[in-house]
Amino acid sequence: MVVDIGLKILEINDNYEFKFRGSEGFMKKVRIEEAKEGQVLAKPLLNTKGVLILRDGIILTSYLLRRLRGLGYKFLYIEDTKKTESKNCISEKARKQAIACLREIEERIRYGSSFSLAPVKEAVSSIISDVVNNKDFIVHLTNIDSHDEYTFNHCINVTALSIIIGRTLKYTDSRLLQLGLSVFLHDVGKIFIPPAILNKPHKLSENEFELIKQHTWHGFYLLSTSSDIPVELANVALQHHEKYDGSGYLQNLKGHEISEFARICTVADVFDALTNSRPYREKLPPNKVFEYLLKNTGKYFDPMIMELFMKNVKLCPEGMIVSLKKNVQIQFAQ
């Protein structure tokens, strides 16, 4: 089965390796007239019969370039050693505002006080504004070095990713804000989980994992008992670890039994978790992230939402080629 996720399929072969093509994973397509002596061929060159003419890794010489032009070749893929700088989709101002908001919520809950939804709306509105004003979204939204800050930054990143999906679903401004609010608060229940368990660098015991799972119930109870938070928003805290096939927790809901907001949050939540390092594992490279997301679409993730996510989130720099299982290589085209 082939799923159109808006990416350019380059070739189908028998390669089952996971790897990047080109120096440091980057390559670019250039016209033969623009290729220069000393550049490195990043993709094998085949003739019309599929016979190998030049292998990848060959250093181009003036002689080779003349011969290729004479044979009628128009384009080459060459290694691009220039590192692409990715701008952060969320401004520093919006991120600081959101972190301050989440920190205040945490402090109020720890001391048994309620929190106001007004500053949460302001923080989420700033994130929405930043997302709307950015054309691209990048894999690594921010460098998260402090374990104490992880949950805060994770909630911000997942909110921004979810807003992108909501926009592709043509949500109204008010609906988009509701989505943003629900996702922004989806992990609020982790406040009740001991940090030593949240940040444990080794595999959790069965009892510890059961305790972690309870953060969904804690979050739902906290939000649903608040007078100004609709149950629809609180449900995201409860359901964001449910899986499309019913194998998630806590209620083993499946398909559209899971709220649309929660199904959106699940995709964004897992993606951000995979692309950031945690105490118990390093972040995954883009090919591993892609493999996980594609393999589990229809199993853990709503296929429609995952397709929208893949089409609208820029996971890798332009020109990067990623090899995946199932014999498919894809290029992130401009």
Protein backbone atom coordinates (compact mmCIF):
# COMPACT_ATOMS: atom_id res chain seq x y z
CA MET A 1 0.00 0.00 0.00
CA VAL A 2 1.30 3.43 -0.93
CA VAL A 3 0.22 6.44 1.13
CA ASP A 4 0.63 9.86 -0.43
CA ILE A 5 2.19 12.04 2.25
CA GLY A 6 3.23 14.82 -0.07
CA LEU A 7 6.87 13.74 -0.35
CA LYS A 8 8.79 13.03 -3.51
CA ILE A 9 9.60 9.33 -3.97
CA LEU A 10 13.01 9.08 -5.60
CA GLU A 11 13.54 5.39 -6.12
CA ILE A 12 12.39 1.96 -5.07
CA ASN A 13 15.14 -0.60 -4.47
CA ASP A 14 16.16 -3.56 -2.31
CA ASN A 15 18.01 -1.46 0.24
CA TYR A 16 16.84 -2.11 3.79
CA GLU A 17 19.45 0.08 5.46
CA PHE A 18 18.56 3.21 7.37
CA LYS A 19 20.88 5.95 6.19
CA PHE A 20 21.17 9.45 4.86
CA ARG A 21 22.56 10.19 1.42
CA GLY A 22 25.14 12.87 0.93
CA SER A 23 27.68 14.49 3.25
CA GLU A 24 26.19 14.92 6.73
CA GLY A 25 22.91 13.79 5.20
CA PHE A 26 22.61 16.70 2.75
CA MET A 27 22.63 16.83 -1.03
CA LYS A 28 21.42 19.20 -3.66
CA LYS A 29 20.36 18.87 -7.27
CA VAL A 30 22.29 21.11 -9.66
CA ARG A 31 22.32 21.69 -13.39
CA ILE A 32 25.31 20.06 -15.06
CA GLU A 33 26.56 23.53 -16.07
CA GLU A 34 26.65 24.55 -12.40
CA ALA A 35 28.57 21.48 -11.18
CA LYS A 36 32.17 22.26 -10.29
CA GLU A 37 35.43 20.36 -10.24
CA GLY A 38 36.12 18.96 -6.78
CA GLN A 39 32.48 18.49 -5.81
CA VAL A 40 31.36 15.02 -4.68
CA LEU A 41 28.66 13.03 -6.46
CA ALA A 42 25.99 12.25 -3.88
CA LYS A 43 23.77 9.89 -5.87
CA PRO A 44 24.84 7.10 -8.26
CA LEU A 45 24.55 8.05 -11.93
CA LEU A 46 22.80 5.50 -14.14
CA ASN A 47 22.23 5.43 -17.89
CA THR A 48 18.83 4.88 -19.50
CA LYS A 49 19.29 1.09 -19.21
CA GLY A 50 19.99 1.28 -15.49
CA VAL A 51 23.70 0.59 -15.86
CA LEU A 52 25.94 2.32 -13.32
CA ILE A 53 27.99 5.11 -14.90
CA LEU A 54 29.43 6.75 -11.77
CA ARG A 55 29.09 5.65 -8.17
CA ASP A 56 28.23 8.07 -5.40
CA GLY A 57 31.26 9.45 -3.57
CA ILE A 58 33.21 10.11 -6.77
CA ILE A 59 35.03 13.45 -6.83
CA LEU A 60 34.07 15.28 -10.00
CA THR A 61 36.90 16.32 -12.31
CA SER A 62 36.84 18.62 -15.29
CA TYR A 63 37.22 15.56 -17.53
CA LEU A 64 34.22 13.77 -15.96
CA LEU A 65 32.08 16.88 -16.21
CA ARG A 66 32.93 17.29 -19.91
CA ARG A 67 32.12 13.63 -20.58
CA LEU A 68 28.79 13.86 -18.72
CA ARG A 69 27.80 16.97 -20.65
CA GLY A 70 28.75 15.21 -23.87
CA LEU A 71 26.54 12.25 -22.93
CA GLY A 72 23.59 14.59 -22.50
CA TYR A 73 23.19 14.61 -18.71
CA LYS A 74 21.31 17.69 -17.51
CA PHE A 75 21.40 17.39 -13.68
CA LEU A 76 23.55 15.87 -10.93
CA TYR A 77 23.08 15.32 -7.22
CA ILE A 78 26.11 16.59 -5.34
CA GLU A 79 26.98 16.56 -1.65
CA ASP A 80 26.12 19.79 0.08
CA THR A 81 28.33 20.41 3.10
CA LYS A 82 26.67 23.73 3.88
CA LYS A 83 24.73 23.40 7.09
CA THR A 84 21.19 24.69 6.93
CA GLU A 85 20.20 26.97 9.78
CA SER A 86 16.64 26.39 10.88
CA LYS A 87 14.78 29.23 12.44
CA ASN A 88 12.67 28.54 15.44
CA CYS A 89 8.96 28.60 14.68
CA ILE A 90 8.15 29.90 18.15
CA SER A 91 9.65 33.24 19.11
CA GLU A 92 11.70 33.55 22.28
CA LYS A 93 9.15 36.02 23.62
CA ALA A 94 6.23 33.61 23.11
CA ARG A 95 8.21 30.71 24.58
CA LYS A 96 9.19 32.66 27.70
CA GLN A 97 5.59 33.79 28.15
CA ALA A 98 4.35 30.20 27.86
CA ILE A 99 6.99 28.81 30.24
CA ALA A 100 6.15 31.49 32.83
CA CYS A 101 2.47 30.58 32.48
CA LEU A 102 3.11 26.85 32.93
CA ARG A 103 5.42 27.48 35.88
CA GLU A 104 2.74 29.57 37.60
CA ILE A 105 0.15 26.84 37.01
CA GLU A 106 2.50 24.28 38.54
CA GLU A 107 3.17 26.41 41.60
CA ARG A 108 -0.52 27.14 42.17
CA ILE A 109 -1.46 23.47 41.90
CA ARG A 110 1.32 22.41 44.26
CA TYR A 111 0.03 24.84 46.87
CA GLY A 112 -3.56 23.76 46.40
CA SER A 113 -4.73 26.89 44.58
CA SER A 114 -6.74 27.19 41.37
CA PHE A 115 -5.34 28.88 38.28
CA SER A 116 -6.88 31.36 35.87
CA LEU A 117 -7.45 30.43 32.24
CA ALA A 118 -6.85 34.03 31.07
CA PRO A 119 -3.01 33.90 31.02
CA VAL A 120 -3.20 30.47 29.39
CA LYS A 121 -5.30 31.95 26.57
CA GLU A 122 -2.75 34.75 26.15
CA ALA A 123 0.17 32.32 25.98
CA VAL A 124 -1.60 30.00 23.51
CA SER A 125 -2.69 32.95 21.36
CA SER A 126 0.96 34.03 21.09
CA ILE A 127 1.96 30.53 19.96
CA ILE A 128 -0.86 30.50 17.39
CA SER A 129 0.28 33.88 16.07
CA ASP A 130 3.86 32.64 15.67
CA VAL A 131 2.76 29.45 13.91
CA VAL A 132 0.46 31.32 11.52
CA ASN A 133 3.26 33.73 10.60
CA ASN A 134 5.79 30.97 9.81
CA LYS A 135 5.75 29.10 6.52
CA ASP A 136 7.77 26.11 7.72
CA PHE A 137 7.96 24.01 10.82
CA ILE A 138 11.19 22.28 11.74
CA VAL A 139 12.08 19.03 13.45
CA HIS A 140 14.03 20.46 16.36
CA LEU A 141 11.86 23.21 17.73
CA THR A 142 14.22 24.15 20.55
CA ASN A 143 17.24 22.75 22.29
CA ILE A 144 15.99 21.36 25.58
CA ASP A 145 18.89 20.71 27.94
CA SER A 146 17.31 20.97 31.37
CA HIS A 147 15.17 18.07 32.57
CA ASP A 148 13.22 20.51 34.74
CA GLU A 149 12.26 22.51 31.67
CA TYR A 150 11.45 19.51 29.47
CA THR A 151 7.75 19.19 30.28
CA PHE A 152 7.21 22.94 29.82
CA ASN A 153 8.97 23.06 26.44
CA HIS A 154 7.36 19.80 25.38
CA CYS A 155 3.88 21.21 26.04
CA ILE A 156 4.75 24.32 24.01
CA ASN A 157 6.12 22.31 21.09
CA VAL A 158 3.17 19.91 21.04
CA THR A 159 0.79 22.87 21.12
CA ALA A 160 2.47 24.46 18.11
CA LEU A 161 2.49 21.19 16.14
CA SER A 162 -1.17 20.58 16.97
CA ILE A 163 -2.10 24.07 15.82
CA ILE A 164 -0.54 23.33 12.43
CA ILE A 165 -2.75 20.25 12.11
CA GLY A 166 -5.78 22.23 13.27
CA ARG A 167 -5.16 24.85 10.59
CA THR A 168 -5.05 22.18 7.88
CA LEU A 169 -8.41 20.97 9.18
CA LYS A 170 -9.73 24.51 8.55
CA TYR A 171 -10.52 25.15 12.20
CA THR A 172 -12.02 28.53 12.95
CA ASP A 173 -9.98 30.89 15.13
CA SER A 174 -12.06 30.03 18.20
CA ARG A 175 -11.77 26.30 17.50
CA LEU A 176 -8.02 26.63 16.99
CA LEU A 177 -7.73 28.37 20.35
CA GLN A 178 -9.73 25.58 22.02
CA LEU A 179 -7.38 23.00 20.49
CA GLY A 180 -4.35 24.99 21.62
CA LEU A 181 -5.64 25.32 25.18
CA SER A 182 -6.40 21.60 25.47
CA VAL A 183 -2.97 20.56 24.18
CA PHE A 184 -1.10 23.20 26.18
CA LEU A 185 -2.52 21.62 29.36
CA HIS A 186 -2.40 17.98 28.24
CA ASP A 187 0.46 17.00 30.58
CA VAL A 188 -0.65 19.03 33.60
CA GLY A 189 -1.21 15.78 35.50
CA LYS A 190 2.55 15.13 35.54
CA ILE A 191 2.74 17.66 38.37
CA PHE A 192 1.50 14.84 40.62
CA ILE A 193 4.19 12.37 39.49
CA PRO A 194 7.50 12.35 41.42
CA PRO A 195 10.33 13.92 39.33
CA ALA A 196 12.58 10.97 40.16
CA ILE A 197 10.23 8.73 38.17
CA LEU A 198 9.60 11.21 35.34
CA ASN A 199 13.35 11.68 34.82
CA LYS A 200 14.50 8.14 35.61
CA PRO A 201 17.39 7.31 33.22
CA HIS A 202 16.58 3.58 33.17
CA LYS A 203 13.62 1.41 32.33
CA LEU A 204 10.64 1.94 34.60
CA SER A 205 9.41 -0.89 36.78
CA GLU A 206 5.87 -2.13 36.24
CA ASN A 207 4.67 -0.22 39.30
CA GLU A 208 6.44 2.96 38.19
CA PHE A 209 4.87 2.76 34.75
CA GLU A 210 1.43 2.30 36.29
CA LEU A 211 2.09 5.42 38.33
CA ILE A 212 3.17 7.36 35.22
CA LYS A 213 -0.03 6.33 33.44
CA GLN A 214 -2.08 7.96 36.16
CA HIS A 215 -0.95 11.44 35.04
CA THR A 216 -3.71 11.29 32.42
CA TRP A 217 -6.38 10.80 35.10
CA HIS A 218 -4.84 13.41 37.41
CA GLY A 219 -4.83 15.96 34.56
CA PHE A 220 -8.41 15.18 33.56
CA TYR A 221 -9.71 15.43 37.13
CA LEU A 222 -7.90 18.71 37.73
CA LEU A 223 -9.18 20.31 34.51
CA SER A 224 -12.71 18.86 34.53
CA THR A 225 -13.36 20.15 38.03
CA SER A 226 -12.37 23.67 36.99
CA SER A 227 -15.43 25.85 36.34
CA ASP A 228 -14.04 27.58 33.24
CA ILE A 229 -12.56 24.58 31.38
CA PRO A 230 -14.95 22.58 29.13
CA VAL A 231 -14.89 18.79 29.40
CA GLU A 232 -13.82 18.58 25.72
CA LEU A 233 -10.54 20.27 26.66
CA ALA A 234 -10.08 18.13 29.77
CA ASN A 235 -10.56 14.98 27.68
CA VAL A 236 -7.25 15.61 25.89
CA ALA A 237 -5.39 15.23 29.19
CA LEU A 238 -7.21 11.93 29.71
CA GLN A 239 -7.00 10.53 26.18
CA HIS A 240 -3.66 11.63 24.71
CA HIS A 241 -2.10 8.21 25.35
CA GLU A 242 -4.98 6.31 23.76
CA LYS A 243 -4.06 4.60 20.48
CA TYR A 244 -6.06 4.36 17.30
CA ASP A 245 -6.27 0.54 17.53
CA GLY A 246 -7.42 0.58 21.16
CA SER A 247 -4.10 -0.53 22.68
CA GLY A 248 -3.44 2.70 24.60
CA TYR A 249 -4.39 3.80 28.09
CA LEU A 250 -6.31 4.46 30.32
CA GLN A 251 -9.64 3.51 28.69
CA ASN A 252 -8.49 1.48 25.67
CA LEU A 253 -10.50 3.72 23.37
CA LYS A 254 -10.05 3.27 19.64
CA GLY A 255 -10.68 5.15 16.40
CA HIS A 256 -13.15 7.98 16.70
CA GLU A 257 -14.02 7.01 20.25
CA ILE A 258 -10.96 9.16 20.96
CA SER A 259 -11.71 12.87 20.62
CA GLU A 260 -10.29 14.61 17.55
CA PHE A 261 -8.30 16.99 19.75
CA ALA A 262 -6.71 14.00 21.51
CA ARG A 263 -5.94 12.24 18.21
CA ILE A 264 -4.18 15.39 17.03
CA CYS A 265 -2.32 15.72 20.32
CA THR A 266 -1.14 12.10 20.13
CA VAL A 267 0.61 12.63 16.80
CA ALA A 268 2.27 15.87 17.92
CA ASP A 269 3.12 14.46 21.36
CA VAL A 270 4.90 11.37 20.03
CA PHE A 271 6.71 13.30 17.30
CA ASP A 272 8.13 15.85 19.73
CA ALA A 273 9.09 13.11 22.20
CA LEU A 274 10.99 11.19 19.52
CA THR A 275 12.88 14.24 18.27
CA ASN A 276 14.12 15.36 21.69
CA SER A 277 16.52 13.62 24.05
CA ARG A 278 15.28 12.30 27.38
CA PRO A 279 17.16 10.94 30.40
CA TYR A 280 16.46 7.37 29.27
CA ARG A 281 17.29 7.73 25.55
CA GLU A 282 18.77 10.00 22.91
CA LYS A 283 16.62 11.73 20.31
CA LEU A 284 16.07 9.73 17.14
CA PRO A 285 17.36 10.78 13.69
CA PRO A 286 14.75 11.73 11.07
CA ASN A 287 14.81 8.35 9.31
CA LYS A 288 14.03 6.52 12.55
CA VAL A 289 11.27 9.00 13.37
CA PHE A 290 9.77 8.52 9.90
CA GLU A 291 9.96 4.76 10.22
CA TYR A 292 8.14 4.82 13.56
CA LEU A 293 5.41 7.21 12.42
CA LEU A 294 4.71 5.44 9.14
CA LYS A 295 4.84 1.95 10.68
CA ASN A 296 2.32 2.90 13.34
CA THR A 297 -0.09 4.94 11.23
CA GLY A 298 -3.46 3.22 11.51
CA LYS A 299 -2.21 1.38 14.58
CA TYR A 300 -1.35 4.13 17.05
CA PHE A 301 -2.20 7.16 14.93
CA ASP A 302 -5.24 8.36 12.99
CA PRO A 303 -4.21 7.96 9.31
CA MET A 304 -5.96 11.15 8.22
CA ILE A 305 -4.30 13.25 10.90
CA MET A 306 -0.90 11.68 10.26
CA GLU A 307 -1.21 12.41 6.54
CA LEU A 308 -1.98 16.06 7.27
CA PHE A 309 0.93 16.20 9.69
CA MET A 310 3.38 14.73 7.16
CA LYS A 311 2.24 17.12 4.45
CA ASN A 312 2.45 20.24 6.56
CA VAL A 313 5.39 19.80 8.92
CA LYS A 314 8.89 20.22 7.53
CA LEU A 315 10.68 17.30 9.14
CA CYS A 316 14.02 17.61 7.34
CA PRO A 317 15.98 20.24 5.39
CA GLU A 318 15.35 20.50 1.66
CA GLY A 319 17.54 18.17 -0.37
CA MET A 320 17.93 15.52 2.33
CA ILE A 321 17.23 11.97 1.22
CA VAL A 322 16.12 9.47 3.83
CA SER A 323 16.10 5.69 3.38
CA LEU A 324 13.27 3.86 5.09
CA LYS A 325 12.16 0.26 5.40
CA LYS A 326 9.76 -1.12 2.80
CA ASN A 327 12.33 -0.24 0.09
CA VAL A 328 11.42 3.42 -0.26
CA GLN A 329 13.69 6.44 -0.40
CA ILE A 330 12.18 9.90 -0.22
CA GLN A 331 13.57 13.34 -0.87
CA PHE A 332 12.50 16.47 0.94
CA ALA A 333 11.91 18.63 -2.11
CA GLN A 334 11.73 22.41 -2.24
